[in-house]
């Protein structure tokens, strides 16, 4: 698996072929998007919706978007946040880790999470956090299986959805 940062065009746009790949990846996860409500129709996710969602993320200089490929195919995407908007929160966050639905269960999510953890560990960060939607027990199982612990519950900042907040010590 090769992991690389998302690189925009000189005009700060997503390259067309990459947007097509990202749209297919997002669309393959219609069950997640049915739970999250991030898109109006989880069975009809369109390139302009994916581009808008990523554009919102990429306006923040603390955000990194990582692309994971296997055999040349885009199999996963992760969005990380180096500094949470709440100044009382010292940890970086994983905002999204999405594996193509057909590739789930093959270890790609674990490997991408380990890569992210390693990047933040090398940057001297002590821990990493994320939020898992309360209505998504599969995500909670995934994250706790790889060492994250639930440290609280609250609504997410974007849409007010109930979430479990998880944290993993990196040192």
N, C-alpha and C. Protein backbone atom coordinates (compact mmCIF):
# COMPACT_ATOMS: atom_id res chain seq x y z
N UNK A 1 0.84 -1.17 0.00
CA UNK A 1 0.00 0.00 0.00
C UNK A 1 0.90 1.24 0.00
N UNK A 2 0.59 2.16 -0.87
CA UNK A 2 1.31 3.42 -0.97
C UNK A 2 0.41 4.52 -0.45
N UNK A 3 0.94 5.33 0.47
CA UNK A 3 0.18 6.43 1.04
C UNK A 3 0.85 7.72 0.64
N UNK A 4 0.06 8.65 0.10
CA UNK A 4 0.61 9.92 -0.36
C UNK A 4 -0.38 11.04 -0.04
N UNK A 5 0.12 12.26 0.13
CA UNK A 5 -0.80 13.37 0.38
C UNK A 5 -1.56 13.75 -0.88
N UNK A 6 -2.75 14.26 -0.70
CA UNK A 6 -3.53 14.78 -1.82
C UNK A 6 -2.84 16.05 -2.32
N UNK A 7 -2.63 16.13 -3.62
CA UNK A 7 -2.00 17.30 -4.22
C UNK A 7 -3.01 17.93 -5.17
N UNK A 8 -3.27 19.21 -4.95
CA UNK A 8 -4.20 19.95 -5.80
C UNK A 8 -3.51 20.44 -7.06
N UNK A 9 -4.30 20.82 -8.04
CA UNK A 9 -3.75 21.43 -9.26
C UNK A 9 -3.21 22.82 -8.92
N UNK A 10 -2.48 23.45 -9.83
CA UNK A 10 -2.01 24.83 -9.56
C UNK A 10 -3.16 25.81 -9.29
N UNK A 11 -4.35 25.51 -9.78
CA UNK A 11 -5.52 26.35 -9.52
C UNK A 11 -6.22 25.98 -8.21
N UNK A 12 -5.60 25.10 -7.43
CA UNK A 12 -6.14 24.64 -6.15
C UNK A 12 -7.42 23.84 -6.30
N UNK A 13 -7.51 23.07 -7.38
CA UNK A 13 -8.64 22.18 -7.62
C UNK A 13 -8.17 20.73 -7.49
N UNK A 14 -9.15 19.85 -7.33
CA UNK A 14 -8.84 18.42 -7.38
C UNK A 14 -8.66 18.02 -8.83
N UNK A 15 -7.61 17.29 -9.15
CA UNK A 15 -7.48 16.80 -10.53
C UNK A 15 -8.70 15.94 -10.89
N UNK A 16 -9.21 16.10 -12.09
CA UNK A 16 -10.42 15.40 -12.53
C UNK A 16 -10.40 13.90 -12.31
N UNK A 17 -9.35 13.19 -12.75
CA UNK A 17 -9.31 11.74 -12.53
C UNK A 17 -9.33 11.37 -11.05
N UNK A 18 -8.66 12.15 -10.22
CA UNK A 18 -8.66 11.87 -8.78
C UNK A 18 -10.06 12.11 -8.20
N UNK A 19 -10.73 13.15 -8.64
CA UNK A 19 -12.09 13.40 -8.16
C UNK A 19 -13.01 12.24 -8.52
N UNK A 20 -12.83 11.67 -9.70
CA UNK A 20 -13.62 10.50 -10.11
C UNK A 20 -13.35 9.33 -9.17
N UNK A 21 -12.07 9.09 -8.85
CA UNK A 21 -11.71 7.99 -7.94
C UNK A 21 -12.27 8.23 -6.54
N UNK A 22 -12.14 9.46 -6.05
CA UNK A 22 -12.64 9.78 -4.72
C UNK A 22 -14.15 9.63 -4.64
N UNK A 23 -14.84 10.05 -5.69
CA UNK A 23 -16.30 9.92 -5.71
C UNK A 23 -16.69 8.45 -5.65
N UNK A 24 -16.01 7.60 -6.39
CA UNK A 24 -16.30 6.17 -6.36
C UNK A 24 -16.04 5.59 -4.97
N UNK A 25 -14.96 6.01 -4.34
CA UNK A 25 -14.63 5.54 -2.99
C UNK A 25 -15.71 5.96 -2.00
N UNK A 26 -16.08 7.23 -2.03
CA UNK A 26 -17.14 7.71 -1.13
C UNK A 26 -18.44 6.97 -1.41
N UNK A 27 -18.80 6.84 -2.68
CA UNK A 27 -20.07 6.21 -3.05
C UNK A 27 -20.12 4.74 -2.66
N UNK A 28 -18.98 4.09 -2.60
CA UNK A 28 -18.97 2.67 -2.21
C UNK A 28 -19.39 2.49 -0.75
N UNK A 29 -19.33 3.55 0.02
CA UNK A 29 -19.64 3.51 1.45
C UNK A 29 -21.00 4.10 1.76
N UNK A 30 -22.00 3.75 0.94
CA UNK A 30 -23.32 4.34 1.13
C UNK A 30 -23.92 4.01 2.49
N UNK A 31 -23.56 2.86 3.07
CA UNK A 31 -24.08 2.52 4.41
C UNK A 31 -23.59 3.53 5.45
N UNK A 32 -22.30 3.88 5.39
CA UNK A 32 -21.77 4.89 6.31
C UNK A 32 -22.46 6.23 6.09
N UNK A 33 -22.60 6.62 4.84
CA UNK A 33 -23.20 7.94 4.58
C UNK A 33 -24.69 7.96 4.88
N UNK A 34 -25.34 6.81 4.86
CA UNK A 34 -26.74 6.75 5.31
C UNK A 34 -26.81 7.02 6.81
N UNK A 35 -25.81 6.56 7.57
CA UNK A 35 -25.75 6.81 9.00
C UNK A 35 -25.35 8.25 9.32
N UNK A 36 -24.39 8.77 8.56
CA UNK A 36 -23.82 10.08 8.89
C UNK A 36 -24.67 11.26 8.44
N UNK A 37 -25.39 11.09 7.32
CA UNK A 37 -26.15 12.21 6.79
C UNK A 37 -25.29 13.27 6.11
N UNK A 38 -24.04 12.93 5.79
CA UNK A 38 -23.15 13.91 5.18
C UNK A 38 -23.55 14.29 3.76
N UNK A 39 -24.25 13.40 3.07
CA UNK A 39 -24.70 13.69 1.70
C UNK A 39 -26.20 13.52 1.64
N UNK A 40 -26.88 14.32 0.81
CA UNK A 40 -28.35 14.25 0.76
C UNK A 40 -28.88 12.87 0.38
N UNK A 41 -28.22 12.20 -0.55
CA UNK A 41 -28.64 10.86 -0.97
C UNK A 41 -27.41 9.96 -0.94
N UNK A 42 -27.29 9.09 0.07
CA UNK A 42 -26.09 8.25 0.17
C UNK A 42 -25.93 7.26 -0.97
N UNK A 43 -26.97 7.09 -1.77
CA UNK A 43 -26.90 6.17 -2.92
C UNK A 43 -26.64 6.92 -4.22
N UNK A 44 -26.45 8.23 -4.12
CA UNK A 44 -26.19 9.05 -5.31
C UNK A 44 -25.23 10.18 -4.94
N UNK A 45 -24.00 9.80 -4.57
CA UNK A 45 -22.98 10.77 -4.21
C UNK A 45 -22.31 11.24 -5.49
N UNK A 46 -22.29 12.54 -5.69
CA UNK A 46 -21.81 13.14 -6.94
C UNK A 46 -20.46 13.82 -6.77
N UNK A 47 -19.69 13.91 -7.87
CA UNK A 47 -18.36 14.52 -7.80
C UNK A 47 -18.36 15.93 -7.21
N UNK A 48 -19.35 16.73 -7.57
CA UNK A 48 -19.37 18.10 -7.05
C UNK A 48 -19.59 18.12 -5.53
N UNK A 49 -20.29 17.12 -5.00
CA UNK A 49 -20.49 17.03 -3.55
C UNK A 49 -19.19 16.64 -2.85
N UNK A 50 -18.48 15.70 -3.42
CA UNK A 50 -17.20 15.27 -2.85
C UNK A 50 -16.20 16.43 -2.93
N UNK A 51 -16.16 17.11 -4.06
CA UNK A 51 -15.25 18.25 -4.22
C UNK A 51 -15.56 19.33 -3.19
N UNK A 52 -16.83 19.61 -2.96
CA UNK A 52 -17.22 20.63 -1.98
C UNK A 52 -16.84 20.21 -0.57
N UNK A 53 -17.07 18.94 -0.24
CA UNK A 53 -16.72 18.45 1.10
C UNK A 53 -15.21 18.55 1.34
N UNK A 54 -14.42 18.17 0.35
CA UNK A 54 -12.97 18.25 0.51
C UNK A 54 -12.47 19.69 0.47
N UNK A 55 -13.10 20.55 -0.31
CA UNK A 55 -12.70 21.95 -0.36
C UNK A 55 -12.86 22.59 1.01
N UNK A 56 -13.95 22.26 1.69
CA UNK A 56 -14.15 22.78 3.05
C UNK A 56 -13.01 22.35 3.96
N UNK A 57 -12.61 21.10 3.86
CA UNK A 57 -11.51 20.59 4.69
C UNK A 57 -10.19 21.28 4.34
N UNK A 58 -9.92 21.42 3.05
CA UNK A 58 -8.62 21.91 2.60
C UNK A 58 -8.42 23.41 2.82
N UNK A 59 -9.46 24.12 3.24
CA UNK A 59 -9.27 25.54 3.56
C UNK A 59 -8.53 25.70 4.89
N UNK A 60 -8.48 24.65 5.68
CA UNK A 60 -7.81 24.68 6.98
C UNK A 60 -6.36 24.23 6.80
N UNK A 61 -5.38 25.08 7.12
CA UNK A 61 -3.98 24.69 6.93
C UNK A 61 -3.52 23.55 7.84
N UNK A 62 -4.28 23.24 8.89
CA UNK A 62 -3.93 22.13 9.78
C UNK A 62 -4.44 20.78 9.28
N UNK A 63 -5.15 20.77 8.16
CA UNK A 63 -5.74 19.54 7.62
C UNK A 63 -4.82 18.92 6.58
N UNK A 64 -4.66 17.61 6.69
CA UNK A 64 -3.98 16.82 5.66
C UNK A 64 -4.96 15.77 5.14
N UNK A 65 -4.95 15.58 3.83
CA UNK A 65 -5.74 14.52 3.22
C UNK A 65 -4.74 13.52 2.65
N UNK A 66 -4.86 12.27 3.10
CA UNK A 66 -3.95 11.21 2.66
C UNK A 66 -4.70 10.22 1.79
N UNK A 67 -4.07 9.81 0.71
CA UNK A 67 -4.64 8.85 -0.22
C UNK A 67 -3.85 7.55 -0.13
N UNK A 68 -4.55 6.44 -0.03
CA UNK A 68 -3.89 5.13 0.03
C UNK A 68 -4.24 4.36 -1.24
N UNK A 69 -3.21 3.81 -1.87
CA UNK A 69 -3.39 3.06 -3.11
C UNK A 69 -2.78 1.67 -2.97
N UNK A 70 -3.41 0.73 -3.65
CA UNK A 70 -2.88 -0.62 -3.77
C UNK A 70 -3.04 -1.02 -5.23
N UNK A 71 -1.97 -1.50 -5.82
CA UNK A 71 -1.97 -1.89 -7.24
C UNK A 71 -2.51 -0.76 -8.11
N UNK A 72 -2.17 0.49 -7.74
CA UNK A 72 -2.57 1.65 -8.52
C UNK A 72 -3.99 2.15 -8.27
N UNK A 73 -4.78 1.39 -7.51
CA UNK A 73 -6.17 1.75 -7.25
C UNK A 73 -6.29 2.52 -5.93
N UNK A 74 -7.11 3.56 -5.92
CA UNK A 74 -7.39 4.27 -4.69
C UNK A 74 -8.26 3.37 -3.81
N UNK A 75 -7.77 3.04 -2.62
CA UNK A 75 -8.50 2.12 -1.75
C UNK A 75 -8.94 2.76 -0.45
N UNK A 76 -8.35 3.92 -0.11
CA UNK A 76 -8.72 4.56 1.15
C UNK A 76 -8.31 6.02 1.12
N UNK A 77 -8.99 6.79 1.96
CA UNK A 77 -8.65 8.20 2.16
C UNK A 77 -8.75 8.48 3.66
N UNK A 78 -7.88 9.36 4.12
CA UNK A 78 -7.93 9.79 5.52
C UNK A 78 -7.77 11.30 5.56
N UNK A 79 -8.47 11.90 6.49
CA UNK A 79 -8.36 13.34 6.72
C UNK A 79 -7.94 13.52 8.17
N UNK A 80 -6.85 14.24 8.38
CA UNK A 80 -6.36 14.47 9.73
C UNK A 80 -6.33 15.98 10.02
N UNK A 81 -6.39 16.29 11.30
CA UNK A 81 -6.38 17.67 11.76
C UNK A 81 -5.29 17.78 12.82
N UNK A 82 -4.26 18.57 12.55
CA UNK A 82 -3.12 18.68 13.45
C UNK A 82 -3.47 19.38 14.76
N UNK A 83 -4.41 20.32 14.72
CA UNK A 83 -4.82 21.06 15.91
C UNK A 83 -6.33 21.20 15.91
N UNK A 84 -6.96 20.76 16.99
CA UNK A 84 -8.41 20.87 17.14
C UNK A 84 -8.79 22.35 17.34
N UNK A 85 -9.96 22.76 16.86
CA UNK A 85 -10.38 24.16 17.06
C UNK A 85 -10.51 24.55 18.54
N UNK A 86 -10.75 23.59 19.41
CA UNK A 86 -10.85 23.87 20.84
C UNK A 86 -9.43 23.95 21.41
N UNK A 87 -8.99 25.13 21.86
CA UNK A 87 -7.61 25.26 22.35
C UNK A 87 -7.31 24.41 23.58
N UNK A 88 -8.35 23.95 24.27
CA UNK A 88 -8.14 23.08 25.43
C UNK A 88 -7.84 21.64 25.03
N UNK A 89 -7.99 21.32 23.76
CA UNK A 89 -7.75 19.97 23.27
C UNK A 89 -6.35 19.92 22.65
N UNK A 90 -5.41 19.24 23.29
CA UNK A 90 -4.03 19.26 22.81
C UNK A 90 -3.72 18.27 21.68
N UNK A 91 -4.65 17.39 21.38
CA UNK A 91 -4.34 16.28 20.47
C UNK A 91 -4.74 16.55 19.03
N UNK A 92 -3.99 15.96 18.08
CA UNK A 92 -4.46 15.94 16.70
C UNK A 92 -5.63 14.96 16.58
N UNK A 93 -6.36 15.07 15.48
CA UNK A 93 -7.56 14.25 15.27
C UNK A 93 -7.53 13.58 13.91
N UNK A 94 -8.16 12.41 13.85
CA UNK A 94 -8.50 11.79 12.57
C UNK A 94 -9.95 12.18 12.32
N UNK A 95 -10.17 12.94 11.27
CA UNK A 95 -11.53 13.39 10.94
C UNK A 95 -12.29 12.38 10.12
N UNK A 96 -11.55 11.61 9.32
CA UNK A 96 -12.18 10.60 8.46
C UNK A 96 -11.13 9.57 8.09
N UNK A 97 -11.52 8.32 8.13
CA UNK A 97 -10.72 7.25 7.56
C UNK A 97 -11.74 6.36 6.85
N UNK A 98 -11.66 6.36 5.53
CA UNK A 98 -12.66 5.69 4.71
C UNK A 98 -11.97 4.72 3.76
N UNK A 99 -12.33 3.46 3.87
CA UNK A 99 -11.78 2.41 3.00
C UNK A 99 -12.87 2.00 2.02
N UNK A 100 -12.50 1.79 0.77
CA UNK A 100 -13.45 1.33 -0.23
C UNK A 100 -14.20 0.12 0.33
N UNK A 101 -15.51 0.13 0.20
CA UNK A 101 -16.35 -0.93 0.80
C UNK A 101 -15.92 -2.32 0.34
N UNK A 102 -15.49 -2.47 -0.91
CA UNK A 102 -15.08 -3.79 -1.40
C UNK A 102 -13.72 -4.22 -0.85
N UNK A 103 -12.97 -3.29 -0.29
CA UNK A 103 -11.63 -3.59 0.22
C UNK A 103 -11.58 -3.68 1.74
N UNK A 104 -12.71 -3.46 2.40
CA UNK A 104 -12.74 -3.52 3.85
C UNK A 104 -12.48 -4.94 4.34
N UNK A 105 -11.86 -5.02 5.50
CA UNK A 105 -11.54 -6.32 6.08
C UNK A 105 -10.23 -6.91 5.61
N UNK A 106 -9.47 -6.16 4.83
CA UNK A 106 -8.20 -6.65 4.30
C UNK A 106 -6.98 -6.02 4.98
N UNK A 107 -7.22 -5.22 6.01
CA UNK A 107 -6.12 -4.61 6.76
C UNK A 107 -5.71 -3.22 6.30
N UNK A 108 -6.33 -2.71 5.26
CA UNK A 108 -5.95 -1.38 4.76
C UNK A 108 -6.25 -0.28 5.77
N UNK A 109 -7.38 -0.35 6.44
CA UNK A 109 -7.72 0.65 7.45
C UNK A 109 -6.73 0.65 8.60
N UNK A 110 -6.37 -0.54 9.06
CA UNK A 110 -5.38 -0.66 10.14
C UNK A 110 -4.04 -0.06 9.71
N UNK A 111 -3.63 -0.37 8.50
CA UNK A 111 -2.33 0.12 8.03
C UNK A 111 -2.34 1.63 7.85
N UNK A 112 -3.44 2.17 7.36
CA UNK A 112 -3.53 3.62 7.20
C UNK A 112 -3.56 4.30 8.57
N UNK A 113 -4.31 3.74 9.52
CA UNK A 113 -4.33 4.30 10.88
C UNK A 113 -2.93 4.25 11.49
N UNK A 114 -2.21 3.16 11.33
CA UNK A 114 -0.86 3.04 11.87
C UNK A 114 0.07 4.08 11.24
N UNK A 115 -0.10 4.32 9.95
CA UNK A 115 0.70 5.34 9.27
C UNK A 115 0.44 6.72 9.86
N UNK A 116 -0.82 7.03 10.08
CA UNK A 116 -1.20 8.33 10.66
C UNK A 116 -0.61 8.45 12.07
N UNK A 117 -0.75 7.41 12.85
CA UNK A 117 -0.20 7.41 14.21
C UNK A 117 1.31 7.65 14.16
N UNK A 118 1.99 6.99 13.25
CA UNK A 118 3.43 7.16 13.12
C UNK A 118 3.82 8.57 12.75
N UNK A 119 3.06 9.18 11.85
CA UNK A 119 3.35 10.57 11.45
C UNK A 119 3.24 11.51 12.64
N UNK A 120 2.18 11.35 13.43
CA UNK A 120 2.01 12.23 14.58
C UNK A 120 3.01 11.90 15.69
N UNK A 121 3.35 10.65 15.86
CA UNK A 121 4.36 10.26 16.84
C UNK A 121 5.70 10.91 16.48
N UNK A 122 6.08 10.82 15.20
CA UNK A 122 7.34 11.42 14.75
C UNK A 122 7.33 12.94 14.90
N UNK A 123 6.15 13.55 14.84
CA UNK A 123 6.03 15.00 15.02
C UNK A 123 6.03 15.39 16.49
N UNK A 124 6.18 14.39 17.39
CA UNK A 124 6.26 14.66 18.81
C UNK A 124 4.93 14.77 19.52
N UNK A 125 3.87 14.33 18.87
CA UNK A 125 2.55 14.39 19.50
C UNK A 125 2.37 13.18 20.42
N UNK A 126 1.65 13.38 21.51
CA UNK A 126 1.52 12.35 22.54
C UNK A 126 0.34 11.40 22.35
N UNK A 127 -0.72 11.89 21.68
CA UNK A 127 -1.93 11.09 21.54
C UNK A 127 -2.68 11.54 20.29
N UNK A 128 -3.68 10.77 19.93
CA UNK A 128 -4.49 11.03 18.74
C UNK A 128 -5.94 10.76 19.11
N UNK A 129 -6.84 11.60 18.61
CA UNK A 129 -8.26 11.44 18.91
C UNK A 129 -9.07 11.32 17.63
N UNK A 130 -10.30 10.86 17.82
CA UNK A 130 -11.28 10.82 16.75
C UNK A 130 -12.65 10.70 17.38
N UNK A 131 -13.66 10.89 16.57
CA UNK A 131 -15.04 10.71 17.03
C UNK A 131 -15.69 9.67 16.13
N UNK A 132 -16.41 8.75 16.75
CA UNK A 132 -17.16 7.73 16.02
C UNK A 132 -18.64 7.97 16.31
N UNK A 133 -19.43 7.99 15.26
CA UNK A 133 -20.87 8.20 15.45
C UNK A 133 -21.45 7.10 16.32
N UNK A 134 -22.30 7.50 17.26
CA UNK A 134 -22.92 6.52 18.14
C UNK A 134 -23.73 5.47 17.37
N UNK A 135 -24.28 5.85 16.22
CA UNK A 135 -25.09 4.91 15.44
C UNK A 135 -24.26 4.05 14.50
N UNK A 136 -22.93 4.05 14.68
CA UNK A 136 -22.03 3.27 13.83
C UNK A 136 -21.19 2.33 14.69
N UNK A 137 -21.79 1.24 15.20
CA UNK A 137 -21.05 0.34 16.09
C UNK A 137 -19.86 -0.33 15.40
N UNK A 138 -19.91 -0.50 14.08
CA UNK A 138 -18.78 -1.09 13.37
C UNK A 138 -17.53 -0.22 13.48
N UNK A 139 -17.71 1.09 13.39
CA UNK A 139 -16.56 1.99 13.53
C UNK A 139 -16.00 1.93 14.95
N UNK A 140 -16.88 1.91 15.93
CA UNK A 140 -16.43 1.84 17.31
C UNK A 140 -15.64 0.55 17.55
N UNK A 141 -16.11 -0.55 17.01
CA UNK A 141 -15.40 -1.82 17.13
C UNK A 141 -14.03 -1.75 16.47
N UNK A 142 -13.97 -1.20 15.26
CA UNK A 142 -12.69 -1.08 14.54
C UNK A 142 -11.69 -0.30 15.39
N UNK A 143 -12.10 0.90 15.85
CA UNK A 143 -11.15 1.76 16.54
C UNK A 143 -10.73 1.18 17.89
N UNK A 144 -11.64 0.59 18.63
CA UNK A 144 -11.25 0.02 19.93
C UNK A 144 -10.36 -1.21 19.75
N UNK A 145 -10.58 -1.96 18.67
CA UNK A 145 -9.75 -3.13 18.38
C UNK A 145 -8.29 -2.73 18.14
N UNK A 146 -8.06 -1.54 17.58
CA UNK A 146 -6.68 -1.12 17.29
C UNK A 146 -6.13 -0.19 18.37
N UNK A 147 -6.77 -0.20 19.54
CA UNK A 147 -6.15 0.45 20.69
C UNK A 147 -6.70 1.79 21.13
N UNK A 148 -7.74 2.26 20.50
CA UNK A 148 -8.34 3.53 20.93
C UNK A 148 -9.32 3.27 22.06
N UNK A 149 -9.38 4.19 23.00
CA UNK A 149 -10.27 4.05 24.15
C UNK A 149 -11.29 5.17 24.14
N UNK A 150 -12.52 4.83 24.48
CA UNK A 150 -13.57 5.85 24.58
C UNK A 150 -13.27 6.70 25.81
N UNK A 151 -13.19 8.03 25.61
CA UNK A 151 -12.91 8.93 26.73
C UNK A 151 -14.08 9.86 27.02
N UNK A 152 -15.12 9.78 26.20
CA UNK A 152 -16.28 10.62 26.44
C UNK A 152 -17.29 10.51 25.33
N UNK A 153 -18.36 11.24 25.50
CA UNK A 153 -19.42 11.31 24.49
C UNK A 153 -19.83 12.77 24.35
N UNK A 154 -20.06 13.19 23.11
CA UNK A 154 -20.53 14.54 22.85
C UNK A 154 -21.07 14.61 21.43
N UNK A 155 -21.66 15.71 21.10
CA UNK A 155 -22.15 15.91 19.74
C UNK A 155 -21.01 16.44 18.88
N UNK A 156 -21.00 16.04 17.61
CA UNK A 156 -19.94 16.53 16.73
C UNK A 156 -20.16 18.01 16.43
N UNK A 157 -19.06 18.68 16.10
CA UNK A 157 -19.09 20.13 15.90
C UNK A 157 -19.81 20.52 14.62
N UNK A 158 -19.82 19.65 13.63
CA UNK A 158 -20.37 20.01 12.33
C UNK A 158 -21.89 19.90 12.27
N UNK A 159 -22.42 18.75 12.65
CA UNK A 159 -23.86 18.52 12.49
C UNK A 159 -24.58 18.18 13.80
N UNK A 160 -23.87 18.20 14.91
CA UNK A 160 -24.51 17.92 16.18
C UNK A 160 -24.94 16.48 16.39
N UNK A 161 -24.28 15.55 15.70
CA UNK A 161 -24.61 14.12 15.84
C UNK A 161 -23.96 13.55 17.09
N UNK A 162 -24.65 12.65 17.81
CA UNK A 162 -24.05 12.03 18.99
C UNK A 162 -22.87 11.13 18.60
N UNK A 163 -21.76 11.32 19.32
CA UNK A 163 -20.52 10.60 19.02
C UNK A 163 -19.83 10.13 20.28
N UNK A 164 -19.07 9.07 20.12
CA UNK A 164 -18.09 8.65 21.13
C UNK A 164 -16.76 9.29 20.75
N UNK A 165 -16.09 9.89 21.71
CA UNK A 165 -14.75 10.44 21.47
C UNK A 165 -13.75 9.40 21.94
N UNK A 166 -12.81 9.07 21.06
CA UNK A 166 -11.82 8.05 21.35
C UNK A 166 -10.43 8.66 21.31
N UNK A 167 -9.53 8.07 22.09
CA UNK A 167 -8.16 8.58 22.17
C UNK A 167 -7.20 7.40 22.27
N UNK A 168 -6.03 7.58 21.64
CA UNK A 168 -4.97 6.57 21.74
C UNK A 168 -3.67 7.30 22.10
N UNK A 169 -3.00 6.79 23.12
CA UNK A 169 -1.69 7.32 23.50
C UNK A 169 -0.68 6.83 22.46
N UNK A 170 0.19 7.73 21.99
CA UNK A 170 1.14 7.38 20.93
C UNK A 170 2.54 7.08 21.45
N UNK A 171 2.82 7.38 22.66
CA UNK A 171 4.18 7.17 23.18
C UNK A 171 4.29 5.91 23.97
